[in-house]
């Protein structure tokens, strides 16, 4: 397999992982409304936001590397 094939696989894998993380975050947001303990909800949402933002940053980093392989 060529370097480009491997690079595109890495890019597609990154996009799939990001979609899964984003979907999980949307589920957390949906389900958080049903939790009565607001302190727990705020803790969960803060942690989730941190994880979601880290995933977005990592996605951008990886896709930048992948796209550079095609330049």
PDB file of N, CA and C in Angstrom:
ATOM      1  N   UNK A   1       0.844  -1.173   0.000  1.00  0.00           N
ATOM      2  CA  UNK A   1       0.000   0.000   0.000  1.00  0.00           C
ATOM      3  C   UNK A   1       0.888   1.235   0.000  1.00  0.00           C
ATOM      4  N   UNK A   2       0.472   2.240  -0.730  1.00  0.00           N
ATOM      5  CA  UNK A   2       1.248   3.470  -0.816  1.00  0.00           C
ATOM      6  C   UNK A   2       1.121   4.272   0.473  1.00  0.00           C
ATOM      7  N   UNK A   3       2.040   5.200   0.617  1.00  0.00           N
ATOM      8  CA  UNK A   3       1.990   6.118   1.762  1.00  0.00           C
ATOM      9  C   UNK A   3       0.679   6.891   1.766  1.00  0.00           C
ATOM     10  N   UNK A   4       0.216   7.267   0.561  1.00  0.00           N
ATOM     11  CA  UNK A   4      -1.031   8.021   0.483  1.00  0.00           C
ATOM     12  C   UNK A   4      -2.221   7.184   0.940  1.00  0.00           C
ATOM     13  N   UNK A   5      -2.213   5.901   0.593  1.00  0.00           N
ATOM     14  CA  UNK A   5      -3.289   5.024   1.051  1.00  0.00           C
ATOM     15  C   UNK A   5      -3.317   4.922   2.559  1.00  0.00           C
ATOM     16  N   UNK A   6      -2.159   4.772   3.158  1.00  0.00           N
ATOM     17  CA  UNK A   6      -2.062   4.703   4.616  1.00  0.00           C
ATOM     18  C   UNK A   6      -2.481   6.027   5.241  1.00  0.00           C
ATOM     19  N   UNK A   7      -2.061   7.127   4.622  1.00  0.00           N
ATOM     20  CA  UNK A   7      -2.423   8.448   5.141  1.00  0.00           C
ATOM     21  C   UNK A   7      -3.922   8.676   5.071  1.00  0.00           C
ATOM     22  N   UNK A   8      -4.526   8.296   3.948  1.00  0.00           N
ATOM     23  CA  UNK A   8      -5.973   8.500   3.840  1.00  0.00           C
ATOM     24  C   UNK A   8      -6.712   7.609   4.835  1.00  0.00           C
ATOM     25  N   UNK A   9      -6.213   6.417   5.077  1.00  0.00           N
ATOM     26  CA  UNK A   9      -6.820   5.543   6.083  1.00  0.00           C
ATOM     27  C   UNK A   9      -6.764   6.195   7.466  1.00  0.00           C
ATOM     28  N   UNK A  10      -5.630   6.814   7.765  1.00  0.00           N
ATOM     29  CA  UNK A  10      -5.488   7.500   9.054  1.00  0.00           C
ATOM     30  C   UNK A  10      -6.482   8.655   9.145  1.00  0.00           C
ATOM     31  N   UNK A  11      -6.639   9.383   8.055  1.00  0.00           N
ATOM     32  CA  UNK A  11      -7.589  10.491   8.045  1.00  0.00           C
ATOM     33  C   UNK A  11      -9.016  10.027   8.223  1.00  0.00           C
ATOM     34  N   UNK A  12      -9.390   8.983   7.516  1.00  0.00           N
ATOM     35  CA  UNK A  12     -10.755   8.455   7.626  1.00  0.00           C
ATOM     36  C   UNK A  12     -10.992   7.909   9.043  1.00  0.00           C
ATOM     37  N   UNK A  13     -10.014   7.217   9.582  1.00  0.00           N
ATOM     38  CA  UNK A  13     -10.138   6.710  10.951  1.00  0.00           C
ATOM     39  C   UNK A  13     -10.322   7.834  11.954  1.00  0.00           C
ATOM     40  N   UNK A  14      -9.593   8.914  11.745  1.00  0.00           N
ATOM     41  CA  UNK A  14      -9.714  10.081  12.619  1.00  0.00           C
ATOM     42  C   UNK A  14     -11.118  10.667  12.544  1.00  0.00           C
ATOM     43  N   UNK A  15     -11.642  10.789  11.335  1.00  0.00           N
ATOM     44  CA  UNK A  15     -12.989  11.323  11.167  1.00  0.00           C
ATOM     45  C   UNK A  15     -14.040  10.421  11.813  1.00  0.00           C
ATOM     46  N   UNK A  16     -13.856   9.105  11.692  1.00  0.00           N
ATOM     47  CA  UNK A  16     -14.795   8.157  12.317  1.00  0.00           C
ATOM     48  C   UNK A  16     -14.757   8.273  13.839  1.00  0.00           C
ATOM     49  N   UNK A  17     -13.547   8.340  14.381  1.00  0.00           N
ATOM     50  CA  UNK A  17     -13.407   8.473  15.836  1.00  0.00           C
ATOM     51  C   UNK A  17     -14.030   9.779  16.316  1.00  0.00           C
ATOM     52  N   UNK A  18     -13.805  10.837  15.580  1.00  0.00           N
ATOM     53  CA  UNK A  18     -14.356  12.143  15.945  1.00  0.00           C
ATOM     54  C   UNK A  18     -15.877  12.128  15.900  1.00  0.00           C
ATOM     55  N   UNK A  19     -16.436  11.482  14.883  1.00  0.00           N
ATOM     56  CA  UNK A  19     -17.900  11.386  14.795  1.00  0.00           C
ATOM     57  C   UNK A  19     -18.457  10.613  15.990  1.00  0.00           C
ATOM     58  N   UNK A  20     -17.775   9.558  16.392  1.00  0.00           N
ATOM     59  CA  UNK A  20     -18.231   8.765  17.543  1.00  0.00           C
ATOM     60  C   UNK A  20     -18.174   9.594  18.821  1.00  0.00           C
ATOM     61  N   UNK A  21     -17.102  10.346  18.988  1.00  0.00           N
ATOM     62  CA  UNK A  21     -16.955  11.176  20.189  1.00  0.00           C
ATOM     63  C   UNK A  21     -18.003  12.280  20.199  1.00  0.00           C
ATOM     64  N   UNK A  22     -18.207  12.907  19.054  1.00  0.00           N
ATOM     65  CA  UNK A  22     -19.205  13.977  18.957  1.00  0.00           C
ATOM     66  C   UNK A  22     -20.605  13.430  19.229  1.00  0.00           C
ATOM     67  N   UNK A  23     -20.901  12.253  18.693  1.00  0.00           N
ATOM     68  CA  UNK A  23     -22.189  11.624  18.946  1.00  0.00           C
ATOM     69  C   UNK A  23     -22.383  11.287  20.412  1.00  0.00           C
ATOM     70  N   UNK A  24     -21.338  10.785  21.046  1.00  0.00           N
ATOM     71  CA  UNK A  24     -21.414  10.475  22.474  1.00  0.00           C
ATOM     72  C   UNK A  24     -21.670  11.743  23.282  1.00  0.00           C
ATOM     73  N   UNK A  25     -20.998  12.832  22.899  1.00  0.00           N
ATOM     74  CA  UNK A  25     -21.195  14.104  23.595  1.00  0.00           C
ATOM     75  C   UNK A  25     -22.648  14.581  23.451  1.00  0.00           C
ATOM     76  N   UNK A  26     -23.218  14.441  22.275  1.00  0.00           N
ATOM     77  CA  UNK A  26     -24.617  14.829  22.094  1.00  0.00           C
ATOM     78  C   UNK A  26     -25.542  13.972  22.968  1.00  0.00           C
ATOM     79  N   UNK A  27     -25.223  12.694  23.119  1.00  0.00           N
ATOM     80  CA  UNK A  27     -26.011  11.828  24.003  1.00  0.00           C
ATOM     81  C   UNK A  27     -25.885  12.263  25.458  1.00  0.00           C
ATOM     82  N   UNK A  28     -24.684  12.658  25.858  1.00  0.00           N
ATOM     83  CA  UNK A  28     -24.489  13.154  27.229  1.00  0.00           C
ATOM     84  C   UNK A  28     -25.352  14.394  27.444  1.00  0.00           C
ATOM     85  N   UNK A  29     -25.308  15.322  26.499  1.00  0.00           N
ATOM     86  CA  UNK A  29     -26.114  16.541  26.628  1.00  0.00           C
ATOM     87  C   UNK A  29     -27.602  16.215  26.722  1.00  0.00           C
ATOM     88  N   UNK A  30     -28.048  15.267  25.910  1.00  0.00           N
ATOM     89  CA  UNK A  30     -29.452  14.866  25.919  1.00  0.00           C
ATOM     90  C   UNK A  30     -29.846  14.269  27.267  1.00  0.00           C
ATOM     91  N   UNK A  31     -29.019  13.371  27.769  1.00  0.00           N
ATOM     92  CA  UNK A  31     -29.354  12.651  28.994  1.00  0.00           C
ATOM     93  C   UNK A  31     -29.121  13.455  30.261  1.00  0.00           C
ATOM     94  N   UNK A  32     -28.275  14.466  30.197  1.00  0.00           N
ATOM     95  CA  UNK A  32     -27.977  15.267  31.389  1.00  0.00           C
ATOM     96  C   UNK A  32     -29.230  15.972  31.912  1.00  0.00           C
ATOM     97  N   UNK A  33     -30.140  16.297  31.014  1.00  0.00           N
ATOM     98  CA  UNK A  33     -31.362  16.972  31.443  1.00  0.00           C
ATOM     99  C   UNK A  33     -32.228  16.145  32.369  1.00  0.00           C
ATOM    100  N   UNK A  34     -32.065  14.846  32.346  1.00  0.00           N
ATOM    101  CA  UNK A  34     -32.874  13.974  33.191  1.00  0.00           C
ATOM    102  C   UNK A  34     -32.272  13.692  34.560  1.00  0.00           C
ATOM    103  N   UNK A  35     -31.109  14.248  34.830  1.00  0.00           N
ATOM    104  CA  UNK A  35     -30.451  14.022  36.125  1.00  0.00           C
ATOM    105  C   UNK A  35     -30.804  15.177  37.055  1.00  0.00           C
ATOM    106  N   UNK A  36     -31.321  14.844  38.209  1.00  0.00           N
ATOM    107  CA  UNK A  36     -31.772  15.871  39.151  1.00  0.00           C
ATOM    108  C   UNK A  36     -30.626  16.489  39.953  1.00  0.00           C
ATOM    109  N   UNK A  37     -29.567  15.751  40.183  1.00  0.00           N
ATOM    110  CA  UNK A  37     -28.425  16.239  40.969  1.00  0.00           C
ATOM    111  C   UNK A  37     -27.599  17.188  40.093  1.00  0.00           C
ATOM    112  N   UNK A  38     -27.871  18.474  40.221  1.00  0.00           N
ATOM    113  CA  UNK A  38     -27.240  19.472  39.355  1.00  0.00           C
ATOM    114  C   UNK A  38     -25.722  19.523  39.542  1.00  0.00           C
ATOM    115  N   UNK A  39     -25.245  19.287  40.730  1.00  0.00           N
ATOM    116  CA  UNK A  39     -23.795  19.290  40.976  1.00  0.00           C
ATOM    117  C   UNK A  39     -23.123  18.187  40.159  1.00  0.00           C
ATOM    118  N   UNK A  40     -23.732  17.023  40.150  1.00  0.00           N
ATOM    119  CA  UNK A  40     -23.209  15.908  39.361  1.00  0.00           C
ATOM    120  C   UNK A  40     -23.282  16.218  37.878  1.00  0.00           C
ATOM    121  N   UNK A  41     -24.400  16.792  37.441  1.00  0.00           N
ATOM    122  CA  UNK A  41     -24.560  17.152  36.034  1.00  0.00           C
ATOM    123  C   UNK A  41     -23.478  18.132  35.611  1.00  0.00           C
ATOM    124  N   UNK A  42     -23.235  19.150  36.400  1.00  0.00           N
ATOM    125  CA  UNK A  42     -22.224  20.149  36.044  1.00  0.00           C
ATOM    126  C   UNK A  42     -20.826  19.525  35.968  1.00  0.00           C
ATOM    127  N   UNK A  43     -20.544  18.599  36.872  1.00  0.00           N
ATOM    128  CA  UNK A  43     -19.248  17.906  36.840  1.00  0.00           C
ATOM    129  C   UNK A  43     -19.113  17.062  35.572  1.00  0.00           C
ATOM    130  N   UNK A  44     -20.160  16.332  35.255  1.00  0.00           N
ATOM    131  CA  UNK A  44     -20.161  15.487  34.054  1.00  0.00           C
ATOM    132  C   UNK A  44     -20.024  16.348  32.798  1.00  0.00           C
ATOM    133  N   UNK A  45     -20.773  17.442  32.735  1.00  0.00           N
ATOM    134  CA  UNK A  45     -20.715  18.309  31.562  1.00  0.00           C
ATOM    135  C   UNK A  45     -19.353  18.981  31.418  1.00  0.00           C
ATOM    136  N   UNK A  46     -18.760  19.372  32.517  1.00  0.00           N
ATOM    137  CA  UNK A  46     -17.432  19.989  32.455  1.00  0.00           C
ATOM    138  C   UNK A  46     -16.404  18.994  31.935  1.00  0.00           C
ATOM    139  N   UNK A  47     -16.460  17.786  32.443  1.00  0.00           N
ATOM    140  CA  UNK A  47     -15.529  16.752  31.982  1.00  0.00           C
ATOM    141  C   UNK A  47     -15.780  16.420  30.510  1.00  0.00           C
ATOM    142  N   UNK A  48     -17.040  16.315  30.151  1.00  0.00           N
ATOM    143  CA  UNK A  48     -17.394  16.014  28.764  1.00  0.00           C
ATOM    144  C   UNK A  48     -16.937  17.095  27.808  1.00  0.00           C
ATOM    145  N   UNK A  49     -17.124  18.361  28.202  1.00  0.00           N
ATOM    146  CA  UNK A  49     -16.664  19.485  27.368  1.00  0.00           C
ATOM    147  C   UNK A  49     -15.160  19.401  27.146  1.00  0.00           C
ATOM    148  N   UNK A  50     -14.427  19.112  28.213  1.00  0.00           N
ATOM    149  CA  UNK A  50     -12.974  18.997  28.121  1.00  0.00           C
ATOM    150  C   UNK A  50     -12.572  17.891  27.153  1.00  0.00           C
ATOM    151  N   UNK A  51     -13.208  16.743  27.265  1.00  0.00           N
ATOM    152  CA  UNK A  51     -12.904  15.618  26.380  1.00  0.00           C
ATOM    153  C   UNK A  51     -13.279  15.934  24.931  1.00  0.00           C
ATOM    154  N   UNK A  52     -14.434  16.558  24.731  1.00  0.00           N
ATOM    155  CA  UNK A  52     -14.886  16.888  23.392  1.00  0.00           C
ATOM    156  C   UNK A  52     -13.954  17.906  22.731  1.00  0.00           C
ATOM    157  N   UNK A  53     -13.526  18.892  23.489  1.00  0.00           N
ATOM    158  CA  UNK A  53     -12.616  19.907  22.955  1.00  0.00           C
ATOM    159  C   UNK A  53     -11.239  19.303  22.653  1.00  0.00           C
ATOM    160  N   UNK A  54     -10.772  18.403  23.501  1.00  0.00           N
ATOM    161  CA  UNK A  54      -9.486  17.737  23.260  1.00  0.00           C
ATOM    162  C   UNK A  54      -9.568  16.887  21.989  1.00  0.00           C
ATOM    163  N   UNK A  55     -10.693  16.230  21.786  1.00  0.00           N
ATOM    164  CA  UNK A  55     -10.868  15.411  20.581  1.00  0.00           C
ATOM    165  C   UNK A  55     -10.875  16.287  19.335  1.00  0.00           C
ATOM    166  N   UNK A  56     -11.521  17.434  19.407  1.00  0.00           N
ATOM    167  CA  UNK A  56     -11.558  18.348  18.260  1.00  0.00           C
ATOM    168  C   UNK A  56     -10.150  18.845  17.921  1.00  0.00           C
ATOM    169  N   UNK A  57      -9.381  19.174  18.945  1.00  0.00           N
ATOM    170  CA  UNK A  57      -8.014  19.641  18.726  1.00  0.00           C
ATOM    171  C   UNK A  57      -7.141  18.539  18.140  1.00  0.00           C
ATOM    172  N   UNK A  58      -7.290  17.345  18.653  1.00  0.00           N
ATOM    173  CA  UNK A  58      -6.510  16.210  18.144  1.00  0.00           C
ATOM    174  C   UNK A  58      -6.895  15.893  16.705  1.00  0.00           C
ATOM    175  N   UNK A  59      -8.186  15.966  16.388  1.00  0.00           N
ATOM    176  CA  UNK A  59      -8.648  15.749  15.018  1.00  0.00           C
ATOM    177  C   UNK A  59      -7.961  16.739  14.081  1.00  0.00           C
ATOM    178  N   UNK A  60      -7.978  18.006  14.440  1.00  0.00           N
ATOM    179  CA  UNK A  60      -7.370  19.031  13.594  1.00  0.00           C
ATOM    180  C   UNK A  60      -5.880  18.770  13.404  1.00  0.00           C
ATOM    181  N   UNK A  61      -5.225  18.369  14.465  1.00  0.00           N
ATOM    182  CA  UNK A  61      -3.792  18.076  14.406  1.00  0.00           C
ATOM    183  C   UNK A  61      -3.507  16.906  13.457  1.00  0.00           C
ATOM    184  N   UNK A  62      -4.247  15.841  13.611  1.00  0.00           N
ATOM    185  CA  UNK A  62      -4.029  14.651  12.785  1.00  0.00           C
ATOM    186  C   UNK A  62      -4.364  14.933  11.319  1.00  0.00           C
ATOM    187  N   UNK A  63      -5.481  15.601  11.083  1.00  0.00           N
ATOM    188  CA  UNK A  63      -5.857  15.881   9.692  1.00  0.00           C
ATOM    189  C   UNK A  63      -4.855  16.813   9.023  1.00  0.00           C
ATOM    190  N   UNK A  64      -4.274  17.714   9.783  1.00  0.00           N
ATOM    191  CA  UNK A  64      -3.230  18.593   9.236  1.00  0.00           C
ATOM    192  C   UNK A  64      -2.022  17.772   8.781  1.00  0.00           C
ATOM    193  N   UNK A  65      -1.639  16.805   9.604  1.00  0.00           N
ATOM    194  CA  UNK A  65      -0.511  15.928   9.245  1.00  0.00           C
ATOM    195  C   UNK A  65      -0.857  15.091   8.018  1.00  0.00           C
ATOM    196  N   UNK A  66      -2.060  14.524   8.018  1.00  0.00           N
ATOM    197  CA  UNK A  66      -2.502  13.693   6.901  1.00  0.00           C
ATOM    198  C   UNK A  66      -2.530  14.510   5.612  1.00  0.00           C
ATOM    199  N   UNK A  67      -3.140  15.662   5.659  1.00  0.00           N
ATOM    200  CA  UNK A  67      -3.252  16.487   4.460  1.00  0.00           C
ATOM    201  C   UNK A  67      -1.883  16.943   3.935  1.00  0.00           C
ATOM    202  N   UNK A  68      -0.933  17.146   4.824  1.00  0.00           N
ATOM    203  CA  UNK A  68       0.414  17.542   4.424  1.00  0.00           C
ATOM    204  C   UNK A  68       1.097  16.437   3.607  1.00  0.00           C
ATOM    205  N   UNK A  69       0.695  15.202   3.842  1.00  0.00           N
ATOM    206  CA  UNK A  69       1.271  14.073   3.100  1.00  0.00           C
ATOM    207  C   UNK A  69       0.911  14.113   1.618  1.00  0.00           C
ATOM    208  N   UNK A  70      -0.176  14.802   1.294  1.00  0.00           N
ATOM    209  CA  UNK A  70      -0.644  14.882  -0.083  1.00  0.00           C
ATOM    210  C   UNK A  70      -0.136  16.118  -0.826  1.00  0.00           C
ATOM    211  N   UNK A  71       0.486  17.011  -0.086  1.00  0.00           N
ATOM    212  CA  UNK A  71       0.964  18.268  -0.696  1.00  0.00           C
ATOM    213  C   UNK A  71       2.202  18.054  -1.543  1.00  0.00           C
TER     214      UNK A  71
END
